[in-house]
Amino acid sequence: MLGAIIGDIVGSRFEWHNIKTKDFGFFSAKCHPTDDTVMSLAIAQALLDSRPDYQYLEQNAIKHMQRIGRQYFHAGYGGMFRKWLQTDNPQPYGSYGNGSAMRVSPCGYAARSLDEALALADAVTRPTHNHPEGIKGARAAAAAIYLARSGKSIAEIRQHIEEHYYRLDFTLDSIRASYKFDVTCQGSVPQALVAFFESTSFEDAIRSAISIGGDSDTIAAITGPIAQAHWGIEDWMRQRALEYLDEAQRAILLAFEAAYMKNTDTP
């Protein structure tokens, strides 16, 4: 889950000022958490409050996305989601935006099986992104995280994704020059996955995700937790990322890690 937050923070300054290279300063004073971090933490809190059987996960996801989202109301939400945050009767609105995949990483880490990873992803996605492509994007991201956590190789994870979710018949080099801003799942989740599949380290995965441009922070937030599960995160990077979070955000992250992620971060 920290991988999503790091991807978001590092990518934040490039969302509206794309960079088409992997050669850039990783953390900077211009970096900041965005809605990707806020919603990932909201889902993490929903999972914590829904243990042990997750019977009320969907209700708790709505509760905490609205509660925490309103606390950070200027974090950079899309227009439809901003309206959803403010309504007293929140209903799904058929979205297939990549927000479903960027916030789902806690489900991939909390799950005790692949089937549970998909069920948890569905429960936290349905309240907003109930379009089939929105569900598919969240499922693909959660499945990749769970499989990486389970020790599957990059080749095995890629095969699973191609068999069940997306055709990945491109490389980042082949799309970098022409890739445009695309906030749909189908136009950004495959690219985020390929950034992981081509990676040689956690840091390289984040750099790769950002280097194609587009919705940089969200693409990196989708890549990051998969890369974390496979490569781990170095301690210096973890400590630096925590400096960008406020006390309430750190408290949720640390509580989630204590419950689900003991001894999994540092390679």
C-alpha atoms as a PDB file:
ATOM      1  CA  MET A   1       0.000   0.000   0.000  1.00  0.00           C
ATOM      2  CA  LEU A   2       2.855   2.424   0.700  1.00  0.00           C
ATOM      3  CA  GLY A   3       3.867   1.794  -2.905  1.00  0.00           C
ATOM      4  CA  ALA A   4       0.654   3.480  -4.068  1.00  0.00           C
ATOM      5  CA  ILE A   5       1.338   6.477  -1.842  1.00  0.00           C
ATOM      6  CA  ILE A   6       4.913   6.821  -3.074  1.00  0.00           C
ATOM      7  CA  GLY A   7       3.792   6.555  -6.694  1.00  0.00           C
ATOM      8  CA  ASP A   8       1.191   9.248  -6.072  1.00  0.00           C
ATOM      9  CA  ILE A   9       3.584  11.583  -4.272  1.00  0.00           C
ATOM     10  CA  VAL A  10       6.416  11.257  -6.787  1.00  0.00           C
ATOM     11  CA  GLY A  11       4.043  11.529  -9.738  1.00  0.00           C
ATOM     12  CA  SER A  12       2.060  14.461  -8.331  1.00  0.00           C
ATOM     13  CA  ARG A  13       4.194  17.202  -9.834  1.00  0.00           C
ATOM     14  CA  PHE A  14       4.054  15.622 -13.280  1.00  0.00           C
ATOM     15  CA  GLU A  15       0.280  15.129 -13.618  1.00  0.00           C
ATOM     16  CA  TRP A  16      -0.195  18.448 -15.419  1.00  0.00           C
ATOM     17  CA  HIS A  17       3.428  18.813 -16.496  1.00  0.00           C
ATOM     18  CA  ASN A  18       4.231  15.454 -18.060  1.00  0.00           C
ATOM     19  CA  ILE A  19       7.768  14.218 -18.414  1.00  0.00           C
ATOM     20  CA  LYS A  20       8.707  11.680 -21.069  1.00  0.00           C
ATOM     21  CA  THR A  21      11.861  10.298 -19.510  1.00  0.00           C
ATOM     22  CA  LYS A  22      12.845   8.228 -16.474  1.00  0.00           C
ATOM     23  CA  ASP A  23      15.578  10.732 -15.626  1.00  0.00           C
ATOM     24  CA  PHE A  24      14.105  13.060 -13.004  1.00  0.00           C
ATOM     25  CA  GLY A  25      14.490  13.870  -9.320  1.00  0.00           C
ATOM     26  CA  PHE A  26      12.501  11.329  -7.333  1.00  0.00           C
ATOM     27  CA  PHE A  27      11.238  13.316  -4.332  1.00  0.00           C
ATOM     28  CA  SER A  28      11.106  17.101  -4.353  1.00  0.00           C
ATOM     29  CA  ALA A  29       9.564  20.026  -2.521  1.00  0.00           C
ATOM     30  CA  LYS A  30       6.924  20.174  -5.255  1.00  0.00           C
ATOM     31  CA  CYS A  31       5.657  16.673  -4.448  1.00  0.00           C
ATOM     32  CA  HIS A  32       2.519  16.163  -2.381  1.00  0.00           C
ATOM     33  CA  PRO A  33      -0.144  13.521  -1.692  1.00  0.00           C
ATOM     34  CA  THR A  34      -3.226  13.774  -3.909  1.00  0.00           C
ATOM     35  CA  ASP A  35      -6.643  12.147  -4.007  1.00  0.00           C
ATOM     36  CA  ASP A  36      -4.931   8.832  -4.836  1.00  0.00           C
ATOM     37  CA  THR A  37      -3.329   8.748  -1.402  1.00  0.00           C
ATOM     38  CA  VAL A  38      -6.438   9.999   0.376  1.00  0.00           C
ATOM     39  CA  MET A  39      -8.699   7.360  -1.165  1.00  0.00           C
ATOM     40  CA  SER A  40      -6.187   4.547  -0.658  1.00  0.00           C
ATOM     41  CA  LEU A  41      -6.114   5.437   3.033  1.00  0.00           C
ATOM     42  CA  ALA A  42      -9.916   5.587   3.142  1.00  0.00           C
ATOM     43  CA  ILE A  43     -10.115   2.044   1.765  1.00  0.00           C
ATOM     44  CA  ALA A  44      -7.450   0.927   4.221  1.00  0.00           C
ATOM     45  CA  GLN A  45      -9.539   2.271   7.104  1.00  0.00           C
ATOM     46  CA  ALA A  46     -12.650   0.598   5.719  1.00  0.00           C
ATOM     47  CA  LEU A  47     -10.870  -2.745   5.645  1.00  0.00           C
ATOM     48  CA  LEU A  48      -9.622  -2.310   9.209  1.00  0.00           C
ATOM     49  CA  ASP A  49     -13.129  -1.522  10.416  1.00  0.00           C
ATOM     50  CA  SER A  50     -14.665  -4.456   8.517  1.00  0.00           C
ATOM     51  CA  ARG A  51     -12.578  -7.295   9.954  1.00  0.00           C
ATOM     52  CA  PRO A  52     -12.717 -10.218  10.285  1.00  0.00           C
ATOM     53  CA  ASP A  53     -15.337 -11.202   7.698  1.00  0.00           C
ATOM     54  CA  TYR A  54     -15.615  -7.950   5.652  1.00  0.00           C
ATOM     55  CA  GLN A  55     -19.401  -8.291   5.663  1.00  0.00           C
ATOM     56  CA  TYR A  56     -19.840  -4.525   5.872  1.00  0.00           C
ATOM     57  CA  LEU A  57     -16.888  -3.507   3.708  1.00  0.00           C
ATOM     58  CA  GLU A  58     -18.981  -1.801   1.037  1.00  0.00           C
ATOM     59  CA  GLN A  59     -20.821   0.298   3.604  1.00  0.00           C
ATOM     60  CA  ASN A  60     -17.597   1.151   5.402  1.00  0.00           C
ATOM     61  CA  ALA A  61     -15.921   2.073   2.116  1.00  0.00           C
ATOM     62  CA  ILE A  62     -18.681   4.589   1.439  1.00  0.00           C
ATOM     63  CA  LYS A  63     -18.471   5.909   4.989  1.00  0.00           C
ATOM     64  CA  HIS A  64     -14.719   6.430   5.026  1.00  0.00           C
ATOM     65  CA  MET A  65     -14.354   7.647   1.442  1.00  0.00           C
ATOM     66  CA  GLN A  66     -16.881  10.356   2.233  1.00  0.00           C
ATOM     67  CA  ARG A  67     -15.539  11.134   5.705  1.00  0.00           C
ATOM     68  CA  ILE A  68     -11.855  11.255   4.801  1.00  0.00           C
ATOM     69  CA  GLY A  69     -12.496  12.651   1.339  1.00  0.00           C
ATOM     70  CA  ARG A  70     -14.291  15.644   2.833  1.00  0.00           C
ATOM     71  CA  GLN A  71     -11.384  16.245   5.199  1.00  0.00           C
ATOM     72  CA  TYR A  72      -9.102  16.599   2.162  1.00  0.00           C
ATOM     73  CA  PHE A  73     -11.635  18.112  -0.194  1.00  0.00           C
ATOM     74  CA  HIS A  74      -9.092  19.836  -2.425  1.00  0.00           C
ATOM     75  CA  ALA A  75      -6.933  16.768  -3.018  1.00  0.00           C
ATOM     76  CA  GLY A  76      -7.716  16.677  -6.747  1.00  0.00           C
ATOM     77  CA  TYR A  77     -10.859  14.571  -7.233  1.00  0.00           C
ATOM     78  CA  GLY A  78     -12.672  14.281 -10.536  1.00  0.00           C
ATOM     79  CA  GLY A  79     -15.915  16.205 -10.937  1.00  0.00           C
ATOM     80  CA  MET A  80     -18.332  13.294 -10.567  1.00  0.00           C
ATOM     81  CA  PHE A  81     -16.514  11.890  -7.552  1.00  0.00           C
ATOM     82  CA  ARG A  82     -16.438  15.323  -5.911  1.00  0.00           C
ATOM     83  CA  LYS A  83     -20.232  15.458  -6.204  1.00  0.00           C
ATOM     84  CA  TRP A  84     -20.453  11.906  -4.830  1.00  0.00           C
ATOM     85  CA  LEU A  85     -18.408  12.935  -1.805  1.00  0.00           C
ATOM     86  CA  GLN A  86     -20.856  15.676  -0.934  1.00  0.00           C
ATOM     87  CA  THR A  87     -24.184  13.891  -1.363  1.00  0.00           C
ATOM     88  CA  ASP A  88     -26.157  12.498   1.551  1.00  0.00           C
ATOM     89  CA  ASN A  89     -27.374   9.587  -0.574  1.00  0.00           C
ATOM     90  CA  PRO A  90     -24.276   8.372  -2.459  1.00  0.00           C
ATOM     91  CA  GLN A  91     -25.028   6.146  -5.447  1.00  0.00           C
ATOM     92  CA  PRO A  92     -22.787   4.554  -8.066  1.00  0.00           C
ATOM     93  CA  TYR A  93     -22.536   6.575 -11.259  1.00  0.00           C
ATOM     94  CA  GLY A  94     -21.254   4.133 -13.847  1.00  0.00           C
ATOM     95  CA  SER A  95     -17.664   5.327 -13.826  1.00  0.00           C
ATOM     96  CA  TYR A  96     -14.877   3.485 -15.602  1.00  0.00           C
ATOM     97  CA  GLY A  97     -12.241   5.963 -14.451  1.00  0.00           C
ATOM     98  CA  ASN A  98      -8.879   4.804 -13.149  1.00  0.00           C
ATOM     99  CA  GLY A  99      -9.806   5.909  -9.637  1.00  0.00           C
ATOM    100  CA  SER A 100     -11.102   2.398  -9.043  1.00  0.00           C
ATOM    101  CA  ALA A 101      -7.643   0.932  -9.626  1.00  0.00           C
ATOM    102  CA  MET A 102      -5.633   3.609  -7.830  1.00  0.00           C
ATOM    103  CA  ARG A 103      -7.433   3.146  -4.495  1.00  0.00           C
ATOM    104  CA  VAL A 104      -7.706  -0.665  -4.446  1.00  0.00           C
ATOM    105  CA  SER A 105      -4.210  -1.588  -3.257  1.00  0.00           C
ATOM    106  CA  PRO A 106      -5.229  -2.203   0.387  1.00  0.00           C
ATOM    107  CA  CYS A 107      -7.514  -4.994  -0.853  1.00  0.00           C
ATOM    108  CA  GLY A 108      -4.619  -6.749  -2.557  1.00  0.00           C
ATOM    109  CA  TYR A 109      -2.648  -6.657   0.682  1.00  0.00           C
ATOM    110  CA  ALA A 110      -5.492  -7.618   3.023  1.00  0.00           C
ATOM    111  CA  ALA A 111      -6.693 -10.602   0.962  1.00  0.00           C
ATOM    112  CA  ARG A 112      -6.002 -14.156   2.086  1.00  0.00           C
ATOM    113  CA  SER A 113      -6.682 -15.643  -1.358  1.00  0.00           C
ATOM    114  CA  LEU A 114      -7.011 -14.493  -4.944  1.00  0.00           C
ATOM    115  CA  ASP A 115     -10.779 -14.929  -4.799  1.00  0.00           C
ATOM    116  CA  GLU A 116     -10.925 -12.779  -1.683  1.00  0.00           C
ATOM    117  CA  ALA A 117      -8.771 -10.105  -3.343  1.00  0.00           C
ATOM    118  CA  LEU A 118     -11.325  -9.880  -6.144  1.00  0.00           C
ATOM    119  CA  ALA A 119     -14.279  -9.870  -3.762  1.00  0.00           C
ATOM    120  CA  LEU A 120     -12.762  -7.098  -1.655  1.00  0.00           C
ATOM    121  CA  ALA A 121     -11.950  -5.113  -4.801  1.00  0.00           C
ATOM    122  CA  ASP A 122     -15.542  -5.443  -5.983  1.00  0.00           C
ATOM    123  CA  ALA A 123     -16.923  -4.291  -2.647  1.00  0.00           C
ATOM    124  CA  VAL A 124     -14.890  -1.070  -2.544  1.00  0.00           C
ATOM    125  CA  THR A 125     -15.383  -0.332  -6.251  1.00  0.00           C
ATOM    126  CA  ARG A 126     -19.158  -0.816  -6.650  1.00  0.00           C
ATOM    127  CA  PRO A 127     -20.158   2.305  -4.672  1.00  0.00           C
ATOM    128  CA  THR A 128     -18.837   4.546  -7.465  1.00  0.00           C
ATOM    129  CA  HIS A 129     -17.170   2.734 -10.384  1.00  0.00           C
ATOM    130  CA  ASN A 130     -19.831   0.151 -11.202  1.00  0.00           C
ATOM    131  CA  HIS A 131     -19.154   0.130 -14.952  1.00  0.00           C
ATOM    132  CA  PRO A 132     -17.670  -3.237 -16.073  1.00  0.00           C
ATOM    133  CA  GLU A 133     -14.432  -1.527 -17.094  1.00  0.00           C
ATOM    134  CA  GLY A 134     -14.180   0.159 -13.697  1.00  0.00           C
ATOM    135  CA  ILE A 135     -14.623  -3.176 -11.956  1.00  0.00           C
ATOM    136  CA  LYS A 136     -12.134  -4.842 -14.292  1.00  0.00           C
ATOM    137  CA  GLY A 137      -9.467  -2.242 -13.640  1.00  0.00           C
ATOM    138  CA  ALA A 138      -9.790  -2.626  -9.878  1.00  0.00           C
ATOM    139  CA  ARG A 139      -9.783  -6.418 -10.123  1.00  0.00           C
ATOM    140  CA  ALA A 140      -6.686  -6.472 -12.337  1.00  0.00           C
ATOM    141  CA  ALA A 141      -4.747  -4.251  -9.943  1.00  0.00           C
ATOM    142  CA  ALA A 142      -5.805  -6.196  -6.844  1.00  0.00           C
ATOM    143  CA  ALA A 143      -5.041  -9.536  -8.503  1.00  0.00           C
ATOM    144  CA  ALA A 144      -1.569  -8.407  -9.559  1.00  0.00           C
ATOM    145  CA  ILE A 145      -0.790  -7.260  -6.021  1.00  0.00           C
ATOM    146  CA  TYR A 146      -2.021 -10.483  -4.468  1.00  0.00           C
ATOM    147  CA  LEU A 147      -0.092 -12.632  -6.937  1.00  0.00           C
ATOM    148  CA  ALA A 148       3.084 -10.630  -6.361  1.00  0.00           C
ATOM    149  CA  ARG A 149       2.621 -10.987  -2.597  1.00  0.00           C
ATOM    150  CA  SER A 150       2.226 -14.716  -3.104  1.00  0.00           C
ATOM    151  CA  GLY A 151       5.634 -15.016  -4.754  1.00  0.00           C
ATOM    152  CA  LYS A 152       4.525 -15.354  -8.358  1.00  0.00           C
ATOM    153  CA  SER A 153       7.085 -14.277 -10.931  1.00  0.00           C
ATOM    154  CA  ILE A 154       6.640 -11.268 -13.187  1.00  0.00           C
ATOM    155  CA  ALA A 155       6.052 -13.653 -16.107  1.00  0.00           C
ATOM    156  CA  GLU A 156       3.373 -15.547 -14.171  1.00  0.00           C
ATOM    157  CA  ILE A 157       1.584 -12.363 -13.136  1.00  0.00           C
ATOM    158  CA  ARG A 158       1.683 -11.030 -16.672  1.00  0.00           C
ATOM    159  CA  GLN A 159       0.239 -14.275 -18.011  1.00  0.00           C
ATOM    160  CA  HIS A 160      -2.623 -14.075 -15.515  1.00  0.00           C
ATOM    161  CA  ILE A 161      -3.391 -10.475 -16.462  1.00  0.00           C
ATOM    162  CA  GLU A 162      -3.356 -11.252 -20.181  1.00  0.00           C
ATOM    163  CA  GLU A 163      -5.557 -14.304 -19.739  1.00  0.00           C
ATOM    164  CA  HIS A 164      -8.155 -12.590 -17.569  1.00  0.00           C
ATOM    165  CA  TYR A 165      -8.010  -8.821 -18.071  1.00  0.00           C
ATOM    166  CA  TYR A 166      -5.963  -7.026 -20.728  1.00  0.00           C
ATOM    167  CA  ARG A 167      -3.997  -7.691 -23.880  1.00  0.00           C
ATOM    168  CA  LEU A 168      -0.561  -6.180 -23.288  1.00  0.00           C
ATOM    169  CA  ASP A 169       0.843  -6.086 -26.793  1.00  0.00           C
ATOM    170  CA  PHE A 170       3.040  -3.010 -26.368  1.00  0.00           C
ATOM    171  CA  THR A 171       6.136  -1.767 -24.573  1.00  0.00           C
ATOM    172  CA  LEU A 172       6.512   1.560 -22.817  1.00  0.00           C
ATOM    173  CA  ASP A 173       9.119   2.610 -25.367  1.00  0.00           C
ATOM    174  CA  SER A 174       6.636   1.987 -28.161  1.00  0.00           C
ATOM    175  CA  ILE A 175       3.946   4.246 -26.666  1.00  0.00           C
ATOM    176  CA  ARG A 176       5.940   6.897 -24.776  1.00  0.00           C
ATOM    177  CA  ALA A 177       6.051   9.482 -27.558  1.00  0.00           C
ATOM    178  CA  SER A 178       2.363   9.249 -28.437  1.00  0.00           C
ATOM    179  CA  TYR A 179       0.680   8.390 -25.124  1.00  0.00           C
ATOM    180  CA  LYS A 180      -1.835  11.032 -24.009  1.00  0.00           C
ATOM    181  CA  PHE A 181      -3.690  11.888 -20.826  1.00  0.00           C
ATOM    182  CA  ASP A 182      -6.315   9.171 -20.292  1.00  0.00           C
ATOM    183  CA  VAL A 183      -8.194   8.720 -17.017  1.00  0.00           C
ATOM    184  CA  THR A 184     -10.122   5.596 -18.067  1.00  0.00           C
ATOM    185  CA  CYS A 185      -9.205   2.209 -16.654  1.00  0.00           C
ATOM    186  CA  GLN A 186      -8.825   0.734 -20.107  1.00  0.00           C
ATOM    187  CA  GLY A 187      -6.525   3.574 -21.145  1.00  0.00           C
ATOM    188  CA  SER A 188      -4.228   3.642 -18.127  1.00  0.00           C
ATOM    189  CA  VAL A 189      -4.347   0.419 -16.086  1.00  0.00           C
ATOM    190  CA  PRO A 190      -2.663  -1.691 -18.810  1.00  0.00           C
ATOM    191  CA  GLN A 191       0.082   0.927 -19.046  1.00  0.00           C
ATOM    192  CA  ALA A 192       0.563   0.904 -15.276  1.00  0.00           C
ATOM    193  CA  LEU A 193       0.821  -2.884 -15.311  1.00  0.00           C
ATOM    194  CA  VAL A 194       3.410  -2.871 -18.091  1.00  0.00           C
ATOM    195  CA  ALA A 195       5.469  -0.368 -16.091  1.00  0.00           C
ATOM    196  CA  PHE A 196       5.715  -3.023 -13.405  1.00  0.00           C
ATOM    197  CA  PHE A 197       6.315  -5.875 -15.836  1.00  0.00           C
ATOM    198  CA  GLU A 198       9.264  -4.004 -17.381  1.00  0.00           C
ATOM    199  CA  SER A 199      10.730  -2.921 -14.048  1.00  0.00           C
ATOM    200  CA  THR A 200      14.075  -3.870 -12.514  1.00  0.00           C
ATOM    201  CA  SER A 201      13.365  -2.421  -9.040  1.00  0.00           C
ATOM    202  CA  PHE A 202      10.655  -0.577  -7.131  1.00  0.00           C
ATOM    203  CA  GLU A 203      12.150   2.785  -8.004  1.00  0.00           C
ATOM    204  CA  ASP A 204      12.495   1.803 -11.663  1.00  0.00           C
ATOM    205  CA  ALA A 205       8.815   0.810 -11.767  1.00  0.00           C
ATOM    206  CA  ILE A 206       7.741   4.229 -10.475  1.00  0.00           C
ATOM    207  CA  ARG A 207      10.054   6.037 -12.884  1.00  0.00           C
ATOM    208  CA  SER A 208       8.747   3.927 -15.768  1.00  0.00           C
ATOM    209  CA  ALA A 209       5.107   4.632 -14.909  1.00  0.00           C
ATOM    210  CA  ILE A 210       5.704   8.373 -14.756  1.00  0.00           C
ATOM    211  CA  SER A 211       7.851   8.439 -17.898  1.00  0.00           C
ATOM    212  CA  ILE A 212       4.979   7.793 -20.307  1.00  0.00           C
ATOM    213  CA  GLY A 213       3.147  10.954 -19.257  1.00  0.00           C
ATOM    214  CA  GLY A 214      -0.624  11.055 -19.021  1.00  0.00           C
ATOM    215  CA  ASP A 215      -2.250  10.835 -15.581  1.00  0.00           C
ATOM    216  CA  SER A 216       1.179  10.420 -14.022  1.00  0.00           C
ATOM    217  CA  ASP A 217       0.369  10.276 -10.322  1.00  0.00           C
ATOM    218  CA  THR A 218      -2.468   7.797 -10.761  1.00  0.00           C
ATOM    219  CA  ILE A 219      -0.573   5.531 -13.148  1.00  0.00           C
ATOM    220  CA  ALA A 220       2.322   5.436 -10.673  1.00  0.00           C
ATOM    221  CA  ALA A 221      -0.114   4.836  -7.799  1.00  0.00           C
ATOM    222  CA  ILE A 222      -1.389   1.745  -9.612  1.00  0.00           C
ATOM    223  CA  THR A 223       2.098   0.496 -10.478  1.00  0.00           C
ATOM    224  CA  GLY A 224       3.566   1.194  -7.039  1.00  0.00           C
ATOM    225  CA  PRO A 225       1.797  -1.352  -4.825  1.00  0.00           C
ATOM    226  CA  ILE A 226       2.431  -4.180  -7.287  1.00  0.00           C
ATOM    227  CA  ALA A 227       6.104  -3.223  -7.443  1.00  0.00           C
ATOM    228  CA  GLN A 228       6.191  -3.001  -3.644  1.00  0.00           C
ATOM    229  CA  ALA A 229       4.817  -6.526  -3.320  1.00  0.00           C
ATOM    230  CA  HIS A 230       7.452  -7.873  -5.721  1.00  0.00           C
ATOM    231  CA  TRP A 231      10.529  -5.721  -5.099  1.00  0.00           C
ATOM    232  CA  GLY A 232       9.987  -4.264  -1.636  1.00  0.00           C
ATOM    233  CA  ILE A 233      10.676  -0.649  -0.647  1.00  0.00           C
ATOM    234  CA  GLU A 234      14.002   0.513   0.714  1.00  0.00           C
ATOM    235  CA  ASP A 235      13.886   2.025   4.201  1.00  0.00           C
ATOM    236  CA  TRP A 236      15.213   5.441   3.159  1.00  0.00           C
ATOM    237  CA  MET A 237      12.415   5.759   0.619  1.00  0.00           C
ATOM    238  CA  ARG A 238       9.800   4.742   3.150  1.00  0.00           C
ATOM    239  CA  GLN A 239      11.009   7.311   5.673  1.00  0.00           C
ATOM    240  CA  ARG A 240      11.108  10.058   3.060  1.00  0.00           C
ATOM    241  CA  ALA A 241       7.568   9.288   1.893  1.00  0.00           C
ATOM    242  CA  LEU A 242       6.204   9.387   5.439  1.00  0.00           C
ATOM    243  CA  GLU A 243       7.374  12.987   5.723  1.00  0.00           C
ATOM    244  CA  TYR A 244       4.770  14.011   3.156  1.00  0.00           C
ATOM    245  CA  LEU A 245       1.869  12.595   5.187  1.00  0.00           C
ATOM    246  CA  ASP A 246       0.173  14.363   8.051  1.00  0.00           C
ATOM    247  CA  GLU A 247      -0.368  12.726  11.427  1.00  0.00           C
ATOM    248  CA  ALA A 248      -3.833  11.373  10.634  1.00  0.00           C
ATOM    249  CA  GLN A 249      -2.685   9.886   7.318  1.00  0.00           C
ATOM    250  CA  ARG A 250       0.354   8.243   8.904  1.00  0.00           C
ATOM    251  CA  ALA A 251      -1.824   6.778  11.645  1.00  0.00           C
ATOM    252  CA  ILE A 252      -4.045   4.968   9.128  1.00  0.00           C
ATOM    253  CA  LEU A 253      -1.066   3.701   7.138  1.00  0.00           C
ATOM    254  CA  LEU A 254       0.744   2.402  10.219  1.00  0.00           C
ATOM    255  CA  ALA A 255      -2.394   0.735  11.579  1.00  0.00           C
ATOM    256  CA  PHE A 256      -2.956  -0.991   8.246  1.00  0.00           C
ATOM    257  CA  GLU A 257       0.650  -2.141   8.035  1.00  0.00           C
ATOM    258  CA  ALA A 258       0.509  -3.490  11.591  1.00  0.00           C
ATOM    259  CA  ALA A 259      -2.598  -5.507  10.732  1.00  0.00           C
ATOM    260  CA  TYR A 260      -1.652  -6.814   7.303  1.00  0.00           C
ATOM    261  CA  MET A 261       1.929  -6.156   6.258  1.00  0.00           C
ATOM    262  CA  LYS A 262       4.432  -7.200   8.898  1.00  0.00           C
ATOM    263  CA  ASN A 263       7.984  -7.497   7.582  1.00  0.00           C
ATOM    264  CA  THR A 264       7.003  -7.082   3.934  1.00  0.00           C
ATOM    265  CA  ASP A 265       8.434  -3.718   2.890  1.00  0.00           C
ATOM    266  CA  THR A 266      12.206  -3.808   2.955  1.00  0.00           C
ATOM    267  CA  PRO A 267      14.012  -6.155   0.528  1.00  0.00           C
END
